[in-house]
Amino acid sequence: MVTLFRIAALAALVLTTSVHAADMAFFVKNKRPEAVAIELFSHDRETVWPGNDKVFLIDPRSQKSIPISCNAGERICYGAWVNGNDSISAGVGPDNDQPCDTCCFTCVEHSTETIDLVE
């Protein structure tokens, strides 16, 4: 009986501490006359999208949907910069080190957040 209780308690602990994966998207509107590079940074774990020293490239005056898999409730911030000139940046910047009050979003299953990059 005690063993059954331990198994049930362990199962409950695993279920309550597991992280739920969520699929969401970012819809990026580049309103600038230059191409823009963008990365998405988790502020809850060391994860970057797209990762592996790559970036999402958004052509001038165009838009792109960026789907990602994240952990439900995770805080995700964007860093964007003019392609080839990271001194012109938005959000948390190319190194994820700039202060920003309006560039972070919460990972929510089947949701889409819009990012407007203006001149």
PDB file of N, CA and C in Angstrom:
ATOM      1  N   MET A   1       0.820  -1.195   0.000  1.00  0.00           N
ATOM      2  CA  MET A   1       0.000   0.000   0.000  1.00  0.00           C
ATOM      3  C   MET A   1       0.868   1.265   0.000  1.00  0.00           C
ATOM      4  N   VAL A   2       1.931   1.254   0.819  1.00  0.00           N
ATOM      5  CA  VAL A   2       2.817   2.406   0.880  1.00  0.00           C
ATOM      6  C   VAL A   2       3.503   2.611  -0.470  1.00  0.00           C
ATOM      7  N   THR A   3       3.899   1.525  -1.137  1.00  0.00           N
ATOM      8  CA  THR A   3       4.557   1.626  -2.435  1.00  0.00           C
ATOM      9  C   THR A   3       3.612   2.244  -3.467  1.00  0.00           C
ATOM     10  N   LEU A   4       2.367   1.830  -3.461  1.00  0.00           N
ATOM     11  CA  LEU A   4       1.379   2.398  -4.379  1.00  0.00           C
ATOM     12  C   LEU A   4       1.223   3.891  -4.134  1.00  0.00           C
ATOM     13  N   PHE A   5       1.207   4.297  -2.870  1.00  0.00           N
ATOM     14  CA  PHE A   5       1.119   5.721  -2.535  1.00  0.00           C
ATOM     15  C   PHE A   5       2.334   6.475  -3.067  1.00  0.00           C
ATOM     16  N   ARG A   6       3.524   5.913  -2.921  1.00  0.00           N
ATOM     17  CA  ARG A   6       4.741   6.562  -3.409  1.00  0.00           C
ATOM     18  C   ARG A   6       4.710   6.713  -4.927  1.00  0.00           C
ATOM     19  N   ILE A   7       4.238   5.695  -5.627  1.00  0.00           N
ATOM     20  CA  ILE A   7       4.144   5.758  -7.089  1.00  0.00           C
ATOM     21  C   ILE A   7       3.160   6.848  -7.501  1.00  0.00           C
ATOM     22  N   ALA A   8       2.022   6.922  -6.825  1.00  0.00           N
ATOM     23  CA  ALA A   8       1.025   7.942  -7.144  1.00  0.00           C
ATOM     24  C   ALA A   8       1.573   9.338  -6.845  1.00  0.00           C
ATOM     25  N   ALA A   9       2.278   9.508  -5.746  1.00  0.00           N
ATOM     26  CA  ALA A   9       2.851  10.806  -5.397  1.00  0.00           C
ATOM     27  C   ALA A   9       3.923  11.208  -6.405  1.00  0.00           C
ATOM     28  N   LEU A  10       4.755  10.258  -6.821  1.00  0.00           N
ATOM     29  CA  LEU A  10       5.798  10.538  -7.807  1.00  0.00           C
ATOM     30  C   LEU A  10       5.172  10.922  -9.150  1.00  0.00           C
ATOM     31  N   ALA A  11       4.130  10.216  -9.560  1.00  0.00           N
ATOM     32  CA  ALA A  11       3.449  10.532 -10.818  1.00  0.00           C
ATOM     33  C   ALA A  11       2.844  11.932 -10.761  1.00  0.00           C
ATOM     34  N   ALA A  12       2.249  12.294  -9.654  1.00  0.00           N
ATOM     35  CA  ALA A  12       1.663  13.631  -9.510  1.00  0.00           C
ATOM     36  C   ALA A  12       2.745  14.701  -9.572  1.00  0.00           C
ATOM     37  N   LEU A  13       3.889  14.439  -8.960  1.00  0.00           N
ATOM     38  CA  LEU A  13       4.996  15.389  -8.996  1.00  0.00           C
ATOM     39  C   LEU A  13       5.514  15.574 -10.411  1.00  0.00           C
ATOM     40  N   VAL A  14       5.675  14.509 -11.152  1.00  0.00           N
ATOM     41  CA  VAL A  14       6.151  14.588 -12.528  1.00  0.00           C
ATOM     42  C   VAL A  14       5.159  15.364 -13.384  1.00  0.00           C
ATOM     43  N   LEU A  15       3.880  15.128 -13.225  1.00  0.00           N
ATOM     44  CA  LEU A  15       2.873  15.811 -14.020  1.00  0.00           C
ATOM     45  C   LEU A  15       2.799  17.297 -13.704  1.00  0.00           C
ATOM     46  N   THR A  16       3.000  17.673 -12.458  1.00  0.00           N
ATOM     47  CA  THR A  16       2.893  19.082 -12.110  1.00  0.00           C
ATOM     48  C   THR A  16       4.157  19.861 -12.438  1.00  0.00           C
ATOM     49  N   THR A  17       5.300  19.195 -12.587  1.00  0.00           N
ATOM     50  CA  THR A  17       6.532  19.912 -12.881  1.00  0.00           C
ATOM     51  C   THR A  17       6.938  19.816 -14.345  1.00  0.00           C
ATOM     52  N   SER A  18       6.217  19.047 -15.139  1.00  0.00           N
ATOM     53  CA  SER A  18       6.579  18.944 -16.550  1.00  0.00           C
ATOM     54  C   SER A  18       6.194  20.229 -17.277  1.00  0.00           C
ATOM     55  N   VAL A  19       6.957  20.546 -18.310  1.00  0.00           N
ATOM     56  CA  VAL A  19       6.726  21.754 -19.084  1.00  0.00           C
ATOM     57  C   VAL A  19       5.910  21.399 -20.316  1.00  0.00           C
ATOM     58  N   HIS A  20       4.891  22.179 -20.565  1.00  0.00           N
ATOM     59  CA  HIS A  20       4.015  21.941 -21.700  1.00  0.00           C
ATOM     60  C   HIS A  20       4.545  22.689 -22.915  1.00  0.00           C
ATOM     61  N   ALA A  21       4.872  21.961 -23.956  1.00  0.00           N
ATOM     62  CA  ALA A  21       5.333  22.598 -25.192  1.00  0.00           C
ATOM     63  C   ALA A  21       4.148  23.264 -25.883  1.00  0.00           C
ATOM     64  N   ALA A  22       4.417  24.422 -26.452  1.00  0.00           N
ATOM     65  CA  ALA A  22       3.377  25.176 -27.148  1.00  0.00           C
ATOM     66  C   ALA A  22       3.918  25.641 -28.489  1.00  0.00           C
ATOM     67  N   ASP A  23       3.063  25.671 -29.480  1.00  0.00           N
ATOM     68  CA  ASP A  23       3.414  26.206 -30.787  1.00  0.00           C
ATOM     69  C   ASP A  23       2.727  27.550 -30.935  1.00  0.00           C
ATOM     70  N   MET A  24       3.516  28.569 -31.249  1.00  0.00           N
ATOM     71  CA  MET A  24       2.965  29.901 -31.460  1.00  0.00           C
ATOM     72  C   MET A  24       3.711  30.539 -32.620  1.00  0.00           C
ATOM     73  N   ALA A  25       3.326  31.758 -32.995  1.00  0.00           N
ATOM     74  CA  ALA A  25       3.970  32.441 -34.116  1.00  0.00           C
ATOM     75  C   ALA A  25       4.164  33.915 -33.790  1.00  0.00           C
ATOM     76  N   PHE A  26       5.152  34.490 -34.453  1.00  0.00           N
ATOM     77  CA  PHE A  26       5.380  35.927 -34.430  1.00  0.00           C
ATOM     78  C   PHE A  26       5.205  36.422 -35.854  1.00  0.00           C
ATOM     79  N   PHE A  27       4.349  37.421 -36.035  1.00  0.00           N
ATOM     80  CA  PHE A  27       4.120  38.017 -37.348  1.00  0.00           C
ATOM     81  C   PHE A  27       4.891  39.322 -37.376  1.00  0.00           C
ATOM     82  N   VAL A  28       5.965  39.350 -38.167  1.00  0.00           N
ATOM     83  CA  VAL A  28       6.868  40.496 -38.186  1.00  0.00           C
ATOM     84  C   VAL A  28       6.586  41.345 -39.419  1.00  0.00           C
ATOM     85  N   LYS A  29       6.331  42.643 -39.179  1.00  0.00           N
ATOM     86  CA  LYS A  29       6.119  43.595 -40.268  1.00  0.00           C
ATOM     87  C   LYS A  29       7.327  44.534 -40.304  1.00  0.00           C
ATOM     88  N   ASN A  30       8.131  44.413 -41.357  1.00  0.00           N
ATOM     89  CA  ASN A  30       9.276  45.293 -41.525  1.00  0.00           C
ATOM     90  C   ASN A  30       8.847  46.487 -42.372  1.00  0.00           C
ATOM     91  N   LYS A  31       8.661  47.624 -41.740  1.00  0.00           N
ATOM     92  CA  LYS A  31       8.234  48.833 -42.441  1.00  0.00           C
ATOM     93  C   LYS A  31       9.426  49.701 -42.840  1.00  0.00           C
ATOM     94  N   ARG A  32      10.620  49.195 -42.636  1.00  0.00           N
ATOM     95  CA  ARG A  32      11.847  49.927 -42.958  1.00  0.00           C
ATOM     96  C   ARG A  32      12.233  49.722 -44.427  1.00  0.00           C
ATOM     97  N   PRO A  33      13.042  50.649 -45.003  1.00  0.00           N
ATOM     98  CA  PRO A  33      13.515  50.485 -46.381  1.00  0.00           C
ATOM     99  C   PRO A  33      14.714  49.534 -46.490  1.00  0.00           C
ATOM    100  N   GLU A  34      15.204  49.037 -45.336  1.00  0.00           N
ATOM    101  CA  GLU A  34      16.323  48.088 -45.329  1.00  0.00           C
ATOM    102  C   GLU A  34      15.852  46.727 -44.825  1.00  0.00           C
ATOM    103  N   ALA A  35      16.584  45.687 -45.212  1.00  0.00           N
ATOM    104  CA  ALA A  35      16.324  44.352 -44.663  1.00  0.00           C
ATOM    105  C   ALA A  35      16.663  44.365 -43.171  1.00  0.00           C
ATOM    106  N   VAL A  36      15.927  43.587 -42.408  1.00  0.00           N
ATOM    107  CA  VAL A  36      16.111  43.534 -40.970  1.00  0.00           C
ATOM    108  C   VAL A  36      16.352  42.085 -40.550  1.00  0.00           C
ATOM    109  N   ALA A  37      17.320  41.898 -39.656  1.00  0.00           N
ATOM    110  CA  ALA A  37      17.568  40.594 -39.043  1.00  0.00           C
ATOM    111  C   ALA A  37      16.865  40.581 -37.692  1.00  0.00           C
ATOM    112  N   ILE A  38      16.337  39.424 -37.316  1.00  0.00           N
ATOM    113  CA  ILE A  38      15.635  39.318 -36.034  1.00  0.00           C
ATOM    114  C   ILE A  38      15.940  37.967 -35.400  1.00  0.00           C
ATOM    115  N   GLU A  39      16.055  37.987 -34.075  1.00  0.00           N
ATOM    116  CA  GLU A  39      16.172  36.769 -33.284  1.00  0.00           C
ATOM    117  C   GLU A  39      15.167  36.863 -32.146  1.00  0.00           C
ATOM    118  N   LEU A  40      14.722  35.724 -31.675  1.00  0.00           N
ATOM    119  CA  LEU A  40      13.818  35.638 -30.535  1.00  0.00           C
ATOM    120  C   LEU A  40      14.586  34.986 -29.393  1.00  0.00           C
ATOM    121  N   PHE A  41      14.523  35.596 -28.216  1.00  0.00           N
ATOM    122  CA  PHE A  41      15.288  35.143 -27.057  1.00  0.00           C
ATOM    123  C   PHE A  41      14.347  34.732 -25.928  1.00  0.00           C
ATOM    124  N   SER A  42      14.552  33.539 -25.383  1.00  0.00           N
ATOM    125  CA  SER A  42      13.827  33.156 -24.178  1.00  0.00           C
ATOM    126  C   SER A  42      14.486  33.849 -22.993  1.00  0.00           C
ATOM    127  N   HIS A  43      13.682  34.410 -22.112  1.00  0.00           N
ATOM    128  CA  HIS A  43      14.224  35.000 -20.890  1.00  0.00           C
ATOM    129  C   HIS A  43      14.032  34.065 -19.707  1.00  0.00           C
ATOM    130  N   ASP A  44      13.590  32.825 -19.983  1.00  0.00           N
ATOM    131  CA  ASP A  44      13.421  31.832 -18.925  1.00  0.00           C
ATOM    132  C   ASP A  44      14.411  30.674 -19.030  1.00  0.00           C
ATOM    133  N   ARG A  45      15.043  30.545 -20.173  1.00  0.00           N
ATOM    134  CA  ARG A  45      16.053  29.500 -20.389  1.00  0.00           C
ATOM    135  C   ARG A  45      16.978  29.983 -21.494  1.00  0.00           C
ATOM    136  N   GLU A  46      18.047  29.295 -21.711  1.00  0.00           N
ATOM    137  CA  GLU A  46      19.027  29.731 -22.710  1.00  0.00           C
ATOM    138  C   GLU A  46      18.677  29.177 -24.079  1.00  0.00           C
ATOM    139  N   THR A  47      17.639  29.761 -24.678  1.00  0.00           N
ATOM    140  CA  THR A  47      17.187  29.339 -25.997  1.00  0.00           C
ATOM    141  C   THR A  47      17.020  30.563 -26.881  1.00  0.00           C
ATOM    142  N   VAL A  48      17.468  30.432 -28.127  1.00  0.00           N
ATOM    143  CA  VAL A  48      17.346  31.496 -29.117  1.00  0.00           C
ATOM    144  C   VAL A  48      16.764  30.883 -30.376  1.00  0.00           C
ATOM    145  N   TRP A  49      15.844  31.612 -30.998  1.00  0.00           N
ATOM    146  CA  TRP A  49      15.289  31.173 -32.277  1.00  0.00           C
ATOM    147  C   TRP A  49      15.777  32.120 -33.352  1.00  0.00           C
ATOM    148  N   PRO A  50      16.272  31.717 -34.498  1.00  0.00           N
ATOM    149  CA  PRO A  50      16.341  30.343 -34.962  1.00  0.00           C
ATOM    150  C   PRO A  50      17.500  29.544 -34.368  1.00  0.00           C
ATOM    151  N   GLY A  51      18.460  30.168 -33.731  1.00  0.00           N
ATOM    152  CA  GLY A  51      19.572  29.459 -33.104  1.00  0.00           C
ATOM    153  C   GLY A  51      20.696  29.144 -34.081  1.00  0.00           C
ATOM    154  N   ASN A  52      21.727  28.503 -33.555  1.00  0.00           N
ATOM    155  CA  ASN A  52      22.891  28.083 -34.352  1.00  0.00           C
ATOM    156  C   ASN A  52      23.497  29.231 -35.158  1.00  0.00           C
ATOM    157  N   ASP A  53      23.595  30.420 -34.541  1.00  0.00           N
ATOM    158  CA  ASP A  53      24.180  31.606 -35.185  1.00  0.00           C
ATOM    159  C   ASP A  53      23.470  32.008 -36.472  1.00  0.00           C
ATOM    160  N   LYS A  54      22.190  31.725 -36.562  1.00  0.00           N
ATOM    161  CA  LYS A  54      21.382  32.134 -37.709  1.00  0.00           C
ATOM    162  C   LYS A  54      20.404  33.210 -37.260  1.00  0.00           C
ATOM    163  N   VAL A  55      19.809  33.905 -38.226  1.00  0.00           N
ATOM    164  CA  VAL A  55      18.800  34.927 -37.942  1.00  0.00           C
ATOM    165  C   VAL A  55      17.641  34.747 -38.915  1.00  0.00           C
ATOM    166  N   PHE A  56      16.503  35.314 -38.555  1.00  0.00           N
ATOM    167  CA  PHE A  56      15.396  35.429 -39.496  1.00  0.00           C
ATOM    168  C   PHE A  56      15.628  36.734 -40.250  1.00  0.00           C
ATOM    169  N   LEU A  57      15.620  36.691 -41.557  1.00  0.00           N
ATOM    170  CA  LEU A  57      15.837  37.893 -42.360  1.00  0.00           C
ATOM    171  C   LEU A  57      14.512  38.323 -42.972  1.00  0.00           C
ATOM    172  N   ILE A  58      14.152  39.580 -42.732  1.00  0.00           N
ATOM    173  CA  ILE A  58      12.896  40.132 -43.243  1.00  0.00           C
ATOM    174  C   ILE A  58      13.258  41.179 -44.294  1.00  0.00           C
ATOM    175  N   ASP A  59      12.814  40.969 -45.518  1.00  0.00           N
ATOM    176  CA  ASP A  59      13.113  41.894 -46.606  1.00  0.00           C
ATOM    177  C   ASP A  59      12.520  43.274 -46.333  1.00  0.00           C
ATOM    178  N   PRO A  60      13.049  44.310 -47.024  1.00  0.00           N
ATOM    179  CA  PRO A  60      12.516  45.663 -46.840  1.00  0.00           C
ATOM    180  C   PRO A  60      11.019  45.725 -47.146  1.00  0.00           C
ATOM    181  N   ARG A  61      10.309  46.441 -46.292  1.00  0.00           N
ATOM    182  CA  ARG A  61       8.868  46.679 -46.460  1.00  0.00           C
ATOM    183  C   ARG A  61       8.082  45.387 -46.761  1.00  0.00           C
ATOM    184  N   SER A  62       8.403  44.353 -46.011  1.00  0.00           N
ATOM    185  CA  SER A  62       7.689  43.082 -46.184  1.00  0.00           C
ATOM    186  C   SER A  62       7.325  42.529 -44.815  1.00  0.00           C
ATOM    187  N   GLN A  63       6.702  41.386 -44.821  1.00  0.00           N
ATOM    188  CA  GLN A  63       6.277  40.759 -43.573  1.00  0.00           C
ATOM    189  C   GLN A  63       6.518  39.269 -43.642  1.00  0.00           C
ATOM    190  N   LYS A  64       6.624  38.673 -42.456  1.00  0.00           N
ATOM    191  CA  LYS A  64       6.930  37.245 -42.389  1.00  0.00           C
ATOM    192  C   LYS A  64       6.354  36.666 -41.111  1.00  0.00           C
ATOM    193  N   SER A  65       5.819  35.461 -41.223  1.00  0.00           N
ATOM    194  CA  SER A  65       5.350  34.743 -40.049  1.00  0.00           C
ATOM    195  C   SER A  65       6.461  33.800 -39.592  1.00  0.00           C
ATOM    196  N   ILE A  66       6.769  33.842 -38.305  1.00  0.00           N
ATOM    197  CA  ILE A  66       7.826  33.013 -37.737  1.00  0.00           C
ATOM    198  C   ILE A  66       7.204  32.075 -36.710  1.00  0.00           C
ATOM    199  N   PRO A  67       7.012  30.805 -37.058  1.00  0.00           N
ATOM    200  CA  PRO A  67       6.471  29.846 -36.091  1.00  0.00           C
ATOM    201  C   PRO A  67       7.587  29.301 -35.198  1.00  0.00           C
ATOM    202  N   ILE A  68       7.289  29.135 -33.915  1.00  0.00           N
ATOM    203  CA  ILE A  68       8.258  28.549 -32.989  1.00  0.00           C
ATOM    204  C   ILE A  68       7.541  27.574 -32.057  1.00  0.00           C
ATOM    205  N   SER A  69       8.321  26.700 -31.452  1.00  0.00           N
ATOM    206  CA  SER A  69       7.850  25.865 -30.349  1.00  0.00           C
ATOM    207  C   SER A  69       8.516  26.388 -29.097  1.00  0.00           C
ATOM    208  N   CYS A  70       7.720  26.660 -28.087  1.00  0.00           N
ATOM    209  CA  CYS A  70       8.230  27.225 -26.842  1.00  0.00           C
ATOM    210  C   CYS A  70       7.524  26.545 -25.675  1.00  0.00           C
ATOM    211  N   ASN A  71       7.923  26.893 -24.474  1.00  0.00           N
ATOM    212  CA  ASN A  71       7.279  26.351 -23.282  1.00  0.00           C
ATOM    213  C   ASN A  71       6.145  27.286 -22.861  1.00  0.00           C
ATOM    214  N   ALA A  72       4.969  26.731 -22.644  1.00  0.00           N
ATOM    215  CA  ALA A  72       3.822  27.541 -22.244  1.00  0.00           C
ATOM    216  C   ALA A  72       4.192  28.399 -21.038  1.00  0.00           C
ATOM    217  N   GLY A  73       3.902  29.695 -21.136  1.00  0.00           N
ATOM    218  CA  GLY A  73       4.208  30.628 -20.063  1.00  0.00           C
ATOM    219  C   GLY A  73       5.594  31.254 -20.154  1.00  0.00           C
ATOM    220  N   GLU A  74       6.402  30.772 -21.063  1.00  0.00           N
ATOM    221  CA  GLU A  74       7.766  31.277 -21.230  1.00  0.00           C
ATOM    222  C   GLU A  74       7.755  32.720 -21.735  1.00  0.00           C
ATOM    223  N   ARG A  75       8.689  33.527 -21.275  1.00  0.00           N
ATOM    224  CA  ARG A  75       8.805  34.925 -21.707  1.00  0.00           C
ATOM    225  C   ARG A  75       9.794  34.987 -22.869  1.00  0.00           C
ATOM    226  N   ILE A  76       9.339  35.522 -24.000  1.00  0.00           N
ATOM    227  CA  ILE A  76      10.150  35.590 -25.212  1.00  0.00           C
ATOM    228  C   ILE A  76      10.243  37.044 -25.656  1.00  0.00           C
ATOM    229  N   CYS A  77      11.480  37.507 -25.898  1.00  0.00           N
ATOM    230  CA  CYS A  77      11.714  38.886 -26.327  1.00  0.00           C
ATOM    231  C   CYS A  77      12.389  38.868 -27.696  1.00  0.00           C
ATOM    232  N   TYR A  78      12.112  39.892 -28.489  1.00  0.00           N
ATOM    233  CA  TYR A  78      12.753  39.951 -29.797  1.00  0.00           C
ATOM    234  C   TYR A  78      13.876  40.970 -29.803  1.00  0.00           C
ATOM    235  N   GLY A  79      14.869  40.688 -30.612  1.00  0.00           N
ATOM    236  CA  GLY A  79      15.941  41.625 -30.904  1.00  0.00           C
ATOM    237  C   GLY A  79      16.012  41.749 -32.414  1.00  0.00           C
ATOM    238  N   ALA A  80      15.998  42.960 -32.920  1.00  0.00           N
ATOM    239  CA  ALA A  80      16.018  43.185 -34.367  1.00  0.00           C
ATOM    240  C   ALA A  80      17.025  44.278 -34.678  1.00  0.00           C
ATOM    241  N   TRP A  81      17.598  44.216 -35.874  1.00  0.00           N
ATOM    242  CA  TRP A  81      18.551  45.230 -36.295  1.00  0.00           C
ATOM    243  C   TRP A  81      18.606  45.272 -37.810  1.00  0.00           C
ATOM    244  N   VAL A  82      19.049  46.420 -38.335  1.00  0.00           N
ATOM    245  CA  VAL A  82      19.212  46.562 -39.776  1.00  0.00           C
ATOM    246  C   VAL A  82      20.295  45.588 -40.209  1.00  0.00           C
ATOM    247  N   ASN A  83      19.991  44.773 -41.196  1.00  0.00           N
ATOM    248  CA  ASN A  83      20.948  43.774 -41.654  1.00  0.00           C
ATOM    249  C   ASN A  83      22.233  44.463 -42.117  1.00  0.00           C
ATOM    250  N   GLY A  84      23.348  44.102 -41.500  1.00  0.00           N
ATOM    251  CA  GLY A  84      24.633  44.702 -41.834  1.00  0.00           C
ATOM    252  C   GLY A  84      24.998  45.909 -40.998  1.00  0.00           C
ATOM    253  N   ASN A  85      24.087  46.357 -40.107  1.00  0.00           N
ATOM    254  CA  ASN A  85      24.356  47.525 -39.273  1.00  0.00           C
ATOM    255  C   ASN A  85      23.644  47.353 -37.936  1.00  0.00           C
ATOM    256  N   ASP A  86      24.254  46.603 -37.026  1.00  0.00           N
ATOM    257  CA  ASP A  86      23.568  46.326 -35.764  1.00  0.00           C
ATOM    258  C   ASP A  86      23.566  47.512 -34.799  1.00  0.00           C
ATOM    259  N   SER A  87      24.112  48.669 -35.216  1.00  0.00           N
ATOM    260  CA  SER A  87      23.988  49.859 -34.371  1.00  0.00           C
ATOM    261  C   SER A  87      22.584  50.462 -34.475  1.00  0.00           C
ATOM    262  N   ILE A  88      21.829  50.067 -35.508  1.00  0.00           N
ATOM    263  CA  ILE A  88      20.423  50.474 -35.638  1.00  0.00           C
ATOM    264  C   ILE A  88      19.592  49.254 -35.250  1.00  0.00           C
ATOM    265  N   SER A  89      19.087  49.271 -34.019  1.00  0.00           N
ATOM    266  CA  SER A  89      18.416  48.077 -33.517  1.00  0.00           C
ATOM    267  C   SER A  89      17.111  48.415 -32.808  1.00  0.00           C
ATOM    268  N   ALA A  90      16.343  47.380 -32.540  1.00  0.00           N
ATOM    269  CA  ALA A  90      15.068  47.500 -31.836  1.00  0.00           C
ATOM    270  C   ALA A  90      14.932  46.340 -30.858  1.00  0.00           C
ATOM    271  N   GLY A  91      13.988  46.450 -29.956  1.00  0.00           N
ATOM    272  CA  GLY A  91      13.786  45.395 -28.977  1.00  0.00           C
ATOM    273  C   GLY A  91      14.985  45.282 -28.051  1.00  0.00           C
ATOM    274  N   VAL A  92      15.382  44.058 -27.740  1.00  0.00           N
ATOM    275  CA  VAL A  92      16.527  43.832 -26.850  1.00  0.00           C
ATOM    276  C   VAL A  92      17.846  43.871 -27.603  1.00  0.00           C
ATOM    277  N   GLY A  93      17.791  44.159 -28.905  1.00  0.00           N
ATOM    278  CA  GLY A  93      18.999  44.285 -29.713  1.00  0.00           C
ATOM    279  C   GLY A  93      19.596  42.947 -30.108  1.00  0.00           C
ATOM    280  N   PRO A  94      20.676  42.987 -30.903  1.00  0.00           N
ATOM    281  CA  PRO A  94      21.260  41.745 -31.418  1.00  0.00           C
ATOM    282  C   PRO A  94      21.930  40.889 -30.352  1.00  0.00           C
ATOM    283  N   ASP A  95      22.292  41.506 -29.230  1.00  0.00           N
ATOM    284  CA  ASP A  95      22.963  40.754 -28.165  1.00  0.00           C
ATOM    285  C   ASP A  95      22.078  40.495 -26.958  1.00  0.00           C
ATOM    286  N   ASN A  96      20.772  40.780 -27.098  1.00  0.00           N
ATOM    287  CA  ASN A  96      19.820  40.531 -26.015  1.00  0.00           C
ATOM    288  C   ASN A  96      20.222  41.277 -24.741  1.00  0.00           C
ATOM    289  N   ASP A  97      20.743  42.502 -24.899  1.00  0.00           N
ATOM    290  CA  ASP A  97      21.237  43.219 -23.730  1.00  0.00           C
ATOM    291  C   ASP A  97      20.701  44.649 -23.611  1.00  0.00           C
ATOM    292  N   GLN A  98      19.670  44.989 -24.382  1.00  0.00           N
ATOM    293  CA  GLN A  98      19.093  46.332 -24.325  1.00  0.00           C
ATOM    294  C   GLN A  98      17.800  46.317 -23.518  1.00  0.00           C
ATOM    295  N   PRO A  99      17.552  47.354 -22.723  1.00  0.00           N
ATOM    296  CA  PRO A  99      16.287  47.410 -21.975  1.00  0.00           C
ATOM    297  C   PRO A  99      15.116  47.618 -22.926  1.00  0.00           C
ATOM    298  N   CYS A 100      14.026  46.972 -22.613  1.00  0.00           N
ATOM    299  CA  CYS A 100      12.851  47.087 -23.475  1.00  0.00           C
ATOM    300  C   CYS A 100      11.600  46.718 -22.682  1.00  0.00           C
ATOM    301  N   ASP A 101      10.608  47.597 -22.693  1.00  0.00           N
ATOM    302  CA  ASP A 101       9.365  47.343 -21.960  1.00  0.00           C
ATOM    303  C   ASP A 101       8.281  46.734 -22.832  1.00  0.00           C
ATOM    304  N   THR A 102       8.395  46.870 -24.158  1.00  0.00           N
ATOM    305  CA  THR A 102       7.296  46.468 -25.036  1.00  0.00           C
ATOM    306  C   THR A 102       7.697  45.397 -26.053  1.00  0.00           C
ATOM    307  N   CYS A 103       8.812  44.723 -25.836  1.00  0.00           N
ATOM    308  CA  CYS A 103       9.278  43.768 -26.849  1.00  0.00           C
ATOM    309  C   CYS A 103       9.259  42.322 -26.366  1.00  0.00           C
ATOM    310  N   CYS A 104       8.596  42.062 -25.261  1.00  0.00           N
ATOM    311  CA  CYS A 104       8.529  40.699 -24.731  1.00  0.00           C
ATOM    312  C   CYS A 104       7.082  40.214 -24.709  1.00  0.00           C
ATOM    313  N   PHE A 105       6.939  38.912 -24.933  1.00  0.00           N
ATOM    314  CA  PHE A 105       5.622  38.285 -25.020  1.00  0.00           C
ATOM    315  C   PHE A 105       5.644  36.975 -24.240  1.00  0.00           C
ATOM    316  N   THR A 106       4.474  36.501 -23.888  1.00  0.00           N
ATOM    317  CA  THR A 106       4.351  35.225 -23.191  1.00  0.00           C
ATOM    318  C   THR A 106       3.955  34.145 -24.184  1.00  0.00           C
ATOM    319  N   CYS A 107       4.630  33.016 -24.102  1.00  0.00           N
ATOM    320  CA  CYS A 107       4.322  31.878 -24.971  1.00  0.00           C
ATOM    321  C   CYS A 107       2.953  31.306 -24.608  1.00  0.00           C
ATOM    322  N   VAL A 108       2.050  31.351 -25.581  1.00  0.00           N
ATOM    323  CA  VAL A 108       0.692  30.825 -25.409  1.00  0.00           C
ATOM    324  C   VAL A 108       0.375  29.952 -26.619  1.00  0.00           C
ATOM    325  N   GLU A 109      -0.065  28.744 -26.372  1.00  0.00           N
ATOM    326  CA  GLU A 109      -0.396  27.781 -27.428  1.00  0.00           C
ATOM    327  C   GLU A 109      -1.342  28.388 -28.461  1.00  0.00           C
ATOM    328  N   HIS A 110      -1.029  28.199 -29.732  1.00  0.00           N
ATOM    329  CA  HIS A 110      -1.855  28.622 -30.871  1.00  0.00           C
ATOM    330  C   HIS A 110      -2.098  30.133 -30.921  1.00  0.00           C
ATOM    331  N   SER A 111      -1.152  30.912 -30.418  1.00  0.00           N
ATOM    332  CA  SER A 111      -1.314  32.367 -30.460  1.00  0.00           C
ATOM    333  C   SER A 111      -0.335  32.966 -31.476  1.00  0.00           C
ATOM    334  N   THR A 112      -0.610  34.208 -31.872  1.00  0.00           N
ATOM    335  CA  THR A 112       0.269  34.955 -32.759  1.00  0.00           C
ATOM    336  C   THR A 112       0.466  36.337 -32.177  1.00  0.00           C
ATOM    337  N   GLU A 113       1.713  36.763 -32.081  1.00  0.00           N
ATOM    338  CA  GLU A 113       2.042  38.108 -31.635  1.00  0.00           C
ATOM    339  C   GLU A 113       2.583  38.880 -32.840  1.00  0.00           C
ATOM    340  N   THR A 114       2.269  40.164 -32.916  1.00  0.00           N
ATOM    341  CA  THR A 114       2.708  40.993 -34.029  1.00  0.00           C
ATOM    342  C   THR A 114       3.842  41.914 -33.579  1.00  0.00           C
ATOM    343  N   ILE A 115       4.868  41.977 -34.414  1.00  0.00           N
ATOM    344  CA  ILE A 115       6.010  42.866 -34.174  1.00  0.00           C
ATOM    345  C   ILE A 115       6.071  43.836 -35.343  1.00  0.00           C
ATOM    346  N   ASP A 116       5.934  45.136 -35.069  1.00  0.00           N
ATOM    347  CA  ASP A 116       6.037  46.186 -36.093  1.00  0.00           C
ATOM    348  C   ASP A 116       7.398  46.844 -35.980  1.00  0.00           C
ATOM    349  N   LEU A 117       8.205  46.725 -37.022  1.00  0.00           N
ATOM    350  CA  LEU A 117       9.516  47.364 -37.059  1.00  0.00           C
ATOM    351  C   LEU A 117       9.404  48.593 -37.955  1.00  0.00           C
ATOM    352  N   VAL A 118       9.472  49.770 -37.345  1.00  0.00           N
ATOM    353  CA  VAL A 118       9.265  51.015 -38.070  1.00  0.00           C
ATOM    354  C   VAL A 118      10.570  51.772 -38.222  1.00  0.00           C
ATOM    355  N   GLU A 119      10.539  52.784 -39.108  1.00  0.00           N
ATOM    356  CA  GLU A 119      11.741  53.593 -39.337  1.00  0.00           C
ATOM    357  C   GLU A 119      12.054  54.452 -38.142  1.00  0.00           C
TER     358      GLU A 119
END
